[in-house]
Amino acid sequence: MYVSQCLGVYHTLCEVVKNSPSDAISRLIPEFFEAARSPELNSTLCTNASIRKLRIKLLSRAALRLLPVRPRVSLRKGQRSWFALKRGHAC
């Protein structure tokens, strides 16, 4: 039961980091890193491939939240070249 509870907790933490706004998550990033490091203390959890996968997923998502935000480009792929051709410019 212990492994399944850890899987649920890691899955939930990954979803929280993914779906929450950056300003709400930024102050909790150290706690997410600490949660990802906790299975290193337990050899049973370290041998579970699903735990390792979710641990790396949590670390990567938390680390991505530390990067500065880039403005989104509203054009879809392919539209830019179509507009350039319409104006007579080669891509």
PDB file of N, CA and C in Angstrom:
ATOM      1  N   MET A   1       0.821  -1.199   0.000  1.00  0.00           N
ATOM      2  CA  MET A   1       0.000   0.000   0.000  1.00  0.00           C
ATOM      3  C   MET A   1       0.866   1.265   0.000  1.00  0.00           C
ATOM      4  N   TYR A   2       2.044   1.198   0.580  1.00  0.00           N
ATOM      5  CA  TYR A   2       2.909   2.363   0.684  1.00  0.00           C
ATOM      6  C   TYR A   2       3.321   2.883  -0.695  1.00  0.00           C
ATOM      7  N   VAL A   3       3.677   1.981  -1.606  1.00  0.00           N
ATOM      8  CA  VAL A   3       4.109   2.394  -2.948  1.00  0.00           C
ATOM      9  C   VAL A   3       2.951   3.036  -3.707  1.00  0.00           C
ATOM     10  N   SER A   4       1.764   2.465  -3.586  1.00  0.00           N
ATOM     11  CA  SER A   4       0.622   3.039  -4.309  1.00  0.00           C
ATOM     12  C   SER A   4       0.253   4.423  -3.764  1.00  0.00           C
ATOM     13  N   GLN A   5       0.419   4.627  -2.470  1.00  0.00           N
ATOM     14  CA  GLN A   5       0.166   5.960  -1.909  1.00  0.00           C
ATOM     15  C   GLN A   5       1.187   6.964  -2.433  1.00  0.00           C
ATOM     16  N   CYS A   6       2.438   6.552  -2.506  1.00  0.00           N
ATOM     17  CA  CYS A   6       3.479   7.444  -3.031  1.00  0.00           C
ATOM     18  C   CYS A   6       3.243   7.769  -4.504  1.00  0.00           C
ATOM     19  N   LEU A   7       2.796   6.772  -5.266  1.00  0.00           N
ATOM     20  CA  LEU A   7       2.471   7.029  -6.667  1.00  0.00           C
ATOM     21  C   LEU A   7       1.365   8.077  -6.783  1.00  0.00           C
ATOM     22  N   GLY A   8       0.352   7.963  -5.955  1.00  0.00           N
ATOM     23  CA  GLY A   8      -0.739   8.935  -5.981  1.00  0.00           C
ATOM     24  C   GLY A   8      -0.287  10.331  -5.600  1.00  0.00           C
ATOM     25  N   VAL A   9       0.566  10.406  -4.585  1.00  0.00           N
ATOM     26  CA  VAL A   9       1.067  11.717  -4.148  1.00  0.00           C
ATOM     27  C   VAL A   9       1.925  12.346  -5.238  1.00  0.00           C
ATOM     28  N   TYR A  10       2.831  11.566  -5.832  1.00  0.00           N
ATOM     29  CA  TYR A  10       3.684  12.109  -6.888  1.00  0.00           C
ATOM     30  C   TYR A  10       2.871  12.529  -8.108  1.00  0.00           C
ATOM     31  N   HIS A  11       1.892  11.734  -8.473  1.00  0.00           N
ATOM     32  CA  HIS A  11       1.053  12.088  -9.616  1.00  0.00           C
ATOM     33  C   HIS A  11       0.305  13.393  -9.346  1.00  0.00           C
ATOM     34  N   THR A  12      -0.216  13.540  -8.142  1.00  0.00           N
ATOM     35  CA  THR A  12      -0.933  14.763  -7.780  1.00  0.00           C
ATOM     36  C   THR A  12      -0.008  15.974  -7.779  1.00  0.00           C
ATOM     37  N   LEU A  13       1.191  15.813  -7.226  1.00  0.00           N
ATOM     38  CA  LEU A  13       2.150  16.921  -7.213  1.00  0.00           C
ATOM     39  C   LEU A  13       2.537  17.328  -8.634  1.00  0.00           C
ATOM     40  N   CYS A  14       2.721  16.358  -9.518  1.00  0.00           N
ATOM     41  CA  CYS A  14       3.052  16.674 -10.913  1.00  0.00           C
ATOM     42  C   CYS A  14       1.935  17.467 -11.577  1.00  0.00           C
ATOM     43  N   GLU A  15       0.707  17.085 -11.319  1.00  0.00           N
ATOM     44  CA  GLU A  15      -0.425  17.796 -11.909  1.00  0.00           C
ATOM     45  C   GLU A  15      -0.571  19.206 -11.328  1.00  0.00           C
ATOM     46  N   VAL A  16      -0.300  19.351 -10.040  1.00  0.00           N
ATOM     47  CA  VAL A  16      -0.377  20.672  -9.410  1.00  0.00           C
ATOM     48  C   VAL A  16       0.666  21.602 -10.016  1.00  0.00           C
ATOM     49  N   VAL A  17       1.895  21.103 -10.169  1.00  0.00           N
ATOM     50  CA  VAL A  17       2.957  21.934 -10.751  1.00  0.00           C
ATOM     51  C   VAL A  17       2.634  22.278 -12.201  1.00  0.00           C
ATOM     52  N   LYS A  18       2.045  21.345 -12.913  1.00  0.00           N
ATOM     53  CA  LYS A  18       1.726  21.569 -14.325  1.00  0.00           C
ATOM     54  C   LYS A  18       0.609  22.588 -14.508  1.00  0.00           C
ATOM     55  N   ASN A  19      -0.439  22.503 -13.709  1.00  0.00           N
ATOM     56  CA  ASN A  19      -1.648  23.283 -13.964  1.00  0.00           C
ATOM     57  C   ASN A  19      -1.791  24.558 -13.155  1.00  0.00           C
ATOM     58  N   SER A  20      -0.969  24.762 -12.163  1.00  0.00           N
ATOM     59  CA  SER A  20      -1.094  25.958 -11.322  1.00  0.00           C
ATOM     60  C   SER A  20      -0.374  27.143 -11.947  1.00  0.00           C
ATOM     61  N   PRO A  21      -0.839  28.356 -11.666  1.00  0.00           N
ATOM     62  CA  PRO A  21      -0.147  29.543 -12.178  1.00  0.00           C
ATOM     63  C   PRO A  21       1.247  29.676 -11.569  1.00  0.00           C
ATOM     64  N   SER A  22       2.166  30.214 -12.356  1.00  0.00           N
ATOM     65  CA  SER A  22       3.556  30.327 -11.917  1.00  0.00           C
ATOM     66  C   SER A  22       3.716  31.140 -10.653  1.00  0.00           C
ATOM     67  N   ASP A  23       2.951  32.218 -10.517  1.00  0.00           N
ATOM     68  CA  ASP A  23       3.110  33.060  -9.331  1.00  0.00           C
ATOM     69  C   ASP A  23       2.670  32.333  -8.061  1.00  0.00           C
ATOM     70  N   ALA A  24       1.722  31.419  -8.168  1.00  0.00           N
ATOM     71  CA  ALA A  24       1.281  30.661  -6.996  1.00  0.00           C
ATOM     72  C   ALA A  24       2.256  29.539  -6.650  1.00  0.00           C
ATOM     73  N   ILE A  25       2.932  29.003  -7.635  1.00  0.00           N
ATOM     74  CA  ILE A  25       3.825  27.862  -7.445  1.00  0.00           C
ATOM     75  C   ILE A  25       5.240  28.285  -7.072  1.00  0.00           C
ATOM     76  N   SER A  26       5.667  29.453  -7.488  1.00  0.00           N
ATOM     77  CA  SER A  26       7.071  29.845  -7.361  1.00  0.00           C
ATOM     78  C   SER A  26       7.599  29.777  -5.925  1.00  0.00           C
ATOM     79  N   ARG A  27       6.772  30.105  -4.957  1.00  0.00           N
ATOM     80  CA  ARG A  27       7.256  30.070  -3.571  1.00  0.00           C
ATOM     81  C   ARG A  27       7.326  28.649  -3.018  1.00  0.00           C
ATOM     82  N   LEU A  28       6.709  27.682  -3.698  1.00  0.00           N
ATOM     83  CA  LEU A  28       6.702  26.292  -3.229  1.00  0.00           C
ATOM     84  C   LEU A  28       7.712  25.402  -3.949  1.00  0.00           C
ATOM     85  N   ILE A  29       8.481  25.951  -4.877  1.00  0.00           N
ATOM     86  CA  ILE A  29       9.430  25.156  -5.651  1.00  0.00           C
ATOM     87  C   ILE A  29      10.419  24.410  -4.750  1.00  0.00           C
ATOM     88  N   PRO A  30      10.999  25.014  -3.706  1.00  0.00           N
ATOM     89  CA  PRO A  30      11.914  24.238  -2.845  1.00  0.00           C
ATOM     90  C   PRO A  30      11.248  23.015  -2.199  1.00  0.00           C
ATOM     91  N   GLU A  31       9.982  23.128  -1.848  1.00  0.00           N
ATOM     92  CA  GLU A  31       9.282  21.983  -1.268  1.00  0.00           C
ATOM     93  C   GLU A  31       9.072  20.871  -2.296  1.00  0.00           C
ATOM     94  N   PHE A  32       8.836  21.243  -3.554  1.00  0.00           N
ATOM     95  CA  PHE A  32       8.702  20.227  -4.596  1.00  0.00           C
ATOM     96  C   PHE A  32      10.022  19.501  -4.823  1.00  0.00           C
ATOM     97  N   PHE A  33      11.133  20.254  -4.795  1.00  0.00           N
ATOM     98  CA  PHE A  33      12.445  19.615  -4.924  1.00  0.00           C
ATOM     99  C   PHE A  33      12.715  18.674  -3.748  1.00  0.00           C
ATOM    100  N   GLU A  34      12.341  19.092  -2.567  1.00  0.00           N
ATOM    101  CA  GLU A  34      12.528  18.240  -1.394  1.00  0.00           C
ATOM    102  C   GLU A  34      11.660  16.983  -1.482  1.00  0.00           C
ATOM    103  N   ALA A  35      10.442  17.109  -1.962  1.00  0.00           N
ATOM    104  CA  ALA A  35       9.570  15.947  -2.124  1.00  0.00           C
ATOM    105  C   ALA A  35      10.137  14.980  -3.160  1.00  0.00           C
ATOM    106  N   ALA A  36      10.776  15.506  -4.184  1.00  0.00           N
ATOM    107  CA  ALA A  36      11.360  14.645  -5.209  1.00  0.00           C
ATOM    108  C   ALA A  36      12.609  13.939  -4.700  1.00  0.00           C
ATOM    109  N   ARG A  37      13.287  14.524  -3.727  1.00  0.00           N
ATOM    110  CA  ARG A  37      14.482  13.896  -3.161  1.00  0.00           C
ATOM    111  C   ARG A  37      14.164  12.863  -2.094  1.00  0.00           C
ATOM    112  N   SER A  38      12.981  12.860  -1.536  1.00  0.00           N
ATOM    113  CA  SER A  38      12.663  11.989  -0.409  1.00  0.00           C
ATOM    114  C   SER A  38      12.740  10.492  -0.709  1.00  0.00           C
ATOM    115  N   PRO A  39      12.441   9.993  -1.919  1.00  0.00           N
ATOM    116  CA  PRO A  39      12.548   8.545  -2.125  1.00  0.00           C
ATOM    117  C   PRO A  39      13.974   8.025  -2.070  1.00  0.00           C
ATOM    118  N   GLU A  40      14.978   8.894  -2.185  1.00  0.00           N
ATOM    119  CA  GLU A  40      16.365   8.446  -2.108  1.00  0.00           C
ATOM    120  C   GLU A  40      16.659   7.797  -0.763  1.00  0.00           C
ATOM    121  N   LEU A  41      15.885   8.138   0.250  1.00  0.00           N
ATOM    122  CA  LEU A  41      16.099   7.588   1.583  1.00  0.00           C
ATOM    123  C   LEU A  41      15.513   6.188   1.726  1.00  0.00           C
ATOM    124  N   ASN A  42      14.620   5.791   0.847  1.00  0.00           N
ATOM    125  CA  ASN A  42      13.931   4.510   0.953  1.00  0.00           C
ATOM    126  C   ASN A  42      14.312   3.643  -0.247  1.00  0.00           C
ATOM    127  N   SER A  43      14.977   2.515  -0.003  1.00  0.00           N
ATOM    128  CA  SER A  43      15.448   1.675  -1.096  1.00  0.00           C
ATOM    129  C   SER A  43      14.290   1.027  -1.863  1.00  0.00           C
ATOM    130  N   THR A  44      13.162   0.766  -1.197  1.00  0.00           N
ATOM    131  CA  THR A  44      12.009   0.177  -1.882  1.00  0.00           C
ATOM    132  C   THR A  44      11.468   1.122  -2.940  1.00  0.00           C
ATOM    133  N   LEU A  45      11.397   2.397  -2.616  1.00  0.00           N
ATOM    134  CA  LEU A  45      10.886   3.376  -3.587  1.00  0.00           C
ATOM    135  C   LEU A  45      11.879   3.621  -4.711  1.00  0.00           C
ATOM    136  N   CYS A  46      13.162   3.545  -4.414  1.00  0.00           N
ATOM    137  CA  CYS A  46      14.174   3.786  -5.451  1.00  0.00           C
ATOM    138  C   CYS A  46      14.168   2.702  -6.516  1.00  0.00           C
ATOM    139  N   THR A  47      13.731   1.504  -6.172  1.00  0.00           N
ATOM    140  CA  THR A  47      13.726   0.418  -7.147  1.00  0.00           C
ATOM    141  C   THR A  47      12.463   0.401  -7.995  1.00  0.00           C
ATOM    142  N   ASN A  48      11.467   1.176  -7.661  1.00  0.00           N
ATOM    143  CA  ASN A  48      10.210   1.191  -8.409  1.00  0.00           C
ATOM    144  C   ASN A  48      10.337   2.147  -9.599  1.00  0.00           C
ATOM    145  N   ALA A  49      10.136   1.608 -10.807  1.00  0.00           N
ATOM    146  CA  ALA A  49      10.307   2.405 -12.027  1.00  0.00           C
ATOM    147  C   ALA A  49       9.270   3.526 -12.131  1.00  0.00           C
ATOM    148  N   SER A  50       8.051   3.272 -11.690  1.00  0.00           N
ATOM    149  CA  SER A  50       7.006   4.305 -11.764  1.00  0.00           C
ATOM    150  C   SER A  50       7.306   5.459 -10.821  1.00  0.00           C
ATOM    151  N   ILE A  51       7.819   5.145  -9.642  1.00  0.00           N
ATOM    152  CA  ILE A  51       8.210   6.199  -8.693  1.00  0.00           C
ATOM    153  C   ILE A  51       9.344   7.026  -9.284  1.00  0.00           C
ATOM    154  N   ARG A  52      10.336   6.347  -9.883  1.00  0.00           N
ATOM    155  CA  ARG A  52      11.457   7.079 -10.485  1.00  0.00           C
ATOM    156  C   ARG A  52      10.972   7.981 -11.611  1.00  0.00           C
ATOM    157  N   LYS A  53      10.042   7.492 -12.432  1.00  0.00           N
ATOM    158  CA  LYS A  53       9.509   8.285 -13.541  1.00  0.00           C
ATOM    159  C   LYS A  53       8.791   9.534 -13.032  1.00  0.00           C
ATOM    160  N   LEU A  54       7.916   9.363 -12.045  1.00  0.00           N
ATOM    161  CA  LEU A  54       7.171  10.512 -11.518  1.00  0.00           C
ATOM    162  C   LEU A  54       8.091  11.470 -10.766  1.00  0.00           C
ATOM    163  N   ARG A  55       9.118  10.939 -10.141  1.00  0.00           N
ATOM    164  CA  ARG A  55      10.098  11.788  -9.444  1.00  0.00           C
ATOM    165  C   ARG A  55      10.814  12.698 -10.443  1.00  0.00           C
ATOM    166  N   ILE A  56      11.271  12.132 -11.546  1.00  0.00           N
ATOM    167  CA  ILE A  56      11.942  12.924 -12.579  1.00  0.00           C
ATOM    168  C   ILE A  56      10.970  13.904 -13.217  1.00  0.00           C
ATOM    169  N   LYS A  57       9.734  13.483 -13.403  1.00  0.00           N
ATOM    170  CA  LYS A  57       8.713  14.368 -13.971  1.00  0.00           C
ATOM    171  C   LYS A  57       8.478  15.567 -13.057  1.00  0.00           C
ATOM    172  N   LEU A  58       8.395  15.328 -11.759  1.00  0.00           N
ATOM    173  CA  LEU A  58       8.201  16.417 -10.799  1.00  0.00           C
ATOM    174  C   LEU A  58       9.396  17.354 -10.803  1.00  0.00           C
ATOM    175  N   LEU A  59      10.610  16.796 -10.809  1.00  0.00           N
ATOM    176  CA  LEU A  59      11.808  17.639 -10.846  1.00  0.00           C
ATOM    177  C   LEU A  59      11.856  18.493 -12.108  1.00  0.00           C
ATOM    178  N   SER A  60      11.545  17.904 -13.247  1.00  0.00           N
ATOM    179  CA  SER A  60      11.627  18.664 -14.498  1.00  0.00           C
ATOM    180  C   SER A  60      10.552  19.743 -14.573  1.00  0.00           C
ATOM    181  N   ARG A  61       9.342  19.422 -14.127  1.00  0.00           N
ATOM    182  CA  ARG A  61       8.286  20.435 -14.157  1.00  0.00           C
ATOM    183  C   ARG A  61       8.557  21.566 -13.180  1.00  0.00           C
ATOM    184  N   ALA A  62       9.088  21.234 -12.023  1.00  0.00           N
ATOM    185  CA  ALA A  62       9.420  22.288 -11.055  1.00  0.00           C
ATOM    186  C   ALA A  62      10.563  23.147 -11.580  1.00  0.00           C
ATOM    187  N   ALA A  63      11.547  22.529 -12.212  1.00  0.00           N
ATOM    188  CA  ALA A  63      12.671  23.294 -12.766  1.00  0.00           C
ATOM    189  C   ALA A  63      12.211  24.193 -13.907  1.00  0.00           C
ATOM    190  N   LEU A  64      11.283  23.722 -14.718  1.00  0.00           N
ATOM    191  CA  LEU A  64      10.768  24.559 -15.811  1.00  0.00           C
ATOM    192  C   LEU A  64      10.043  25.788 -15.285  1.00  0.00           C
ATOM    193  N   ARG A  65       9.458  25.684 -14.109  1.00  0.00           N
ATOM    194  CA  ARG A  65       8.772  26.840 -13.516  1.00  0.00           C
ATOM    195  C   ARG A  65       9.748  27.924 -13.076  1.00  0.00           C
ATOM    196  N   LEU A  66      11.030  27.567 -12.928  1.00  0.00           N
ATOM    197  CA  LEU A  66      12.039  28.553 -12.543  1.00  0.00           C
ATOM    198  C   LEU A  66      12.498  29.402 -13.727  1.00  0.00           C
ATOM    199  N   LEU A  67      12.258  28.917 -14.939  1.00  0.00           N
ATOM    200  CA  LEU A  67      12.675  29.659 -16.129  1.00  0.00           C
ATOM    201  C   LEU A  67      11.757  30.856 -16.355  1.00  0.00           C
ATOM    202  N   PRO A  68      12.293  31.928 -16.951  1.00  0.00           N
ATOM    203  CA  PRO A  68      11.432  33.080 -17.251  1.00  0.00           C
ATOM    204  C   PRO A  68      10.399  32.728 -18.312  1.00  0.00           C
ATOM    205  N   VAL A  69       9.265  33.386 -18.243  1.00  0.00           N
ATOM    206  CA  VAL A  69       8.155  33.113 -19.144  1.00  0.00           C
ATOM    207  C   VAL A  69       8.400  33.810 -20.474  1.00  0.00           C
ATOM    208  N   ARG A  70       8.192  33.078 -21.564  1.00  0.00           N
ATOM    209  CA  ARG A  70       8.284  33.664 -22.902  1.00  0.00           C
ATOM    210  C   ARG A  70       6.890  34.032 -23.363  1.00  0.00           C
ATOM    211  N   PRO A  71       6.744  35.133 -24.082  1.00  0.00           N
ATOM    212  CA  PRO A  71       5.423  35.460 -24.631  1.00  0.00           C
ATOM    213  C   PRO A  71       5.049  34.428 -25.690  1.00  0.00           C
ATOM    214  N   ARG A  72       3.784  34.062 -25.725  1.00  0.00           N
ATOM    215  CA  ARG A  72       3.312  33.074 -26.693  1.00  0.00           C
ATOM    216  C   ARG A  72       3.108  33.729 -28.047  1.00  0.00           C
ATOM    217  N   VAL A  73       3.437  33.002 -29.081  1.00  0.00           N
ATOM    218  CA  VAL A  73       3.191  33.451 -30.447  1.00  0.00           C
ATOM    219  C   VAL A  73       1.803  32.967 -30.833  1.00  0.00           C
ATOM    220  N   SER A  74       0.975  33.885 -31.297  1.00  0.00           N
ATOM    221  CA  SER A  74      -0.410  33.524 -31.577  1.00  0.00           C
ATOM    222  C   SER A  74      -0.584  32.846 -32.933  1.00  0.00           C
ATOM    223  N   LEU A  75       0.403  32.925 -33.802  1.00  0.00           N
ATOM    224  CA  LEU A  75       0.281  32.311 -35.118  1.00  0.00           C
ATOM    225  C   LEU A  75       0.553  30.815 -35.028  1.00  0.00           C
ATOM    226  N   ARG A  76      -0.242  30.058 -35.739  1.00  0.00           N
ATOM    227  CA  ARG A  76      -0.004  28.622 -35.812  1.00  0.00           C
ATOM    228  C   ARG A  76       1.069  28.334 -36.842  1.00  0.00           C
ATOM    229  N   LYS A  77       1.646  27.154 -36.756  1.00  0.00           N
ATOM    230  CA  LYS A  77       2.693  26.766 -37.687  1.00  0.00           C
ATOM    231  C   LYS A  77       2.133  26.774 -39.107  1.00  0.00           C
ATOM    232  N   GLY A  78       2.855  27.394 -40.005  1.00  0.00           N
ATOM    233  CA  GLY A  78       2.427  27.443 -41.398  1.00  0.00           C
ATOM    234  C   GLY A  78       1.749  28.742 -41.784  1.00  0.00           C
ATOM    235  N   GLN A  79       1.149  29.454 -40.851  1.00  0.00           N
ATOM    236  CA  GLN A  79       0.452  30.694 -41.181  1.00  0.00           C
ATOM    237  C   GLN A  79       1.430  31.789 -41.579  1.00  0.00           C
ATOM    238  N   ARG A  80       2.572  31.827 -40.928  1.00  0.00           N
ATOM    239  CA  ARG A  80       3.531  32.884 -41.224  1.00  0.00           C
ATOM    240  C   ARG A  80       3.982  32.792 -42.680  1.00  0.00           C
ATOM    241  N   SER A  81       4.292  31.603 -43.157  1.00  0.00           N
ATOM    242  CA  SER A  81       4.754  31.465 -44.533  1.00  0.00           C
ATOM    243  C   SER A  81       3.635  31.803 -45.526  1.00  0.00           C
ATOM    244  N   TRP A  82       2.397  31.480 -45.190  1.00  0.00           N
ATOM    245  CA  TRP A  82       1.280  31.797 -46.064  1.00  0.00           C
ATOM    246  C   TRP A  82       1.115  33.312 -46.198  1.00  0.00           C
ATOM    247  N   PHE A  83       1.212  34.049 -45.070  1.00  0.00           N
ATOM    248  CA  PHE A  83       1.102  35.507 -45.121  1.00  0.00           C
ATOM    249  C   PHE A  83       2.264  36.121 -45.876  1.00  0.00           C
ATOM    250  N   ALA A  84       3.446  35.557 -45.721  1.00  0.00           N
ATOM    251  CA  ALA A  84       4.603  36.084 -46.440  1.00  0.00           C
ATOM    252  C   ALA A  84       4.435  35.876 -47.943  1.00  0.00           C
ATOM    253  N   LEU A  85       3.916  34.735 -48.351  1.00  0.00           N
ATOM    254  CA  LEU A  85       3.685  34.484 -49.773  1.00  0.00           C
ATOM    255  C   LEU A  85       2.604  35.393 -50.326  1.00  0.00           C
ATOM    256  N   LYS A  86       1.585  35.667 -49.524  1.00  0.00           N
ATOM    257  CA  LYS A  86       0.502  36.531 -49.959  1.00  0.00           C
ATOM    258  C   LYS A  86       0.987  37.953 -50.222  1.00  0.00           C
ATOM    259  N   ARG A  87       1.943  38.399 -49.383  1.00  0.00           N
ATOM    260  CA  ARG A  87       2.502  39.737 -49.564  1.00  0.00           C
ATOM    261  C   ARG A  87       3.585  39.783 -50.653  1.00  0.00           C
ATOM    262  N   GLY A  88       3.953  38.616 -51.175  1.00  0.00           N
ATOM    263  CA  GLY A  88       4.961  38.592 -52.234  1.00  0.00           C
ATOM    264  C   GLY A  88       6.373  38.390 -51.748  1.00  0.00           C
ATOM    265  N   HIS A  89       6.540  38.069 -50.463  1.00  0.00           N
ATOM    266  CA  HIS A  89       7.872  37.821 -49.923  1.00  0.00           C
ATOM    267  C   HIS A  89       8.153  36.333 -49.920  1.00  0.00           C
ATOM    268  N   ALA A  90       9.339  35.963 -50.285  1.00  0.00           N
ATOM    269  CA  ALA A  90       9.729  34.546 -50.217  1.00  0.00           C
ATOM    270  C   ALA A  90      10.134  34.214 -48.795  1.00  0.00           C
ATOM    271  N   CYS A  91       9.864  32.994 -48.385  1.00  0.00           N
ATOM    272  CA  CYS A  91      10.209  32.579 -47.018  1.00  0.00           C
ATOM    273  C   CYS A  91      11.617  32.085 -46.925  1.00  0.00           C
TER     274      CYS A  91
END
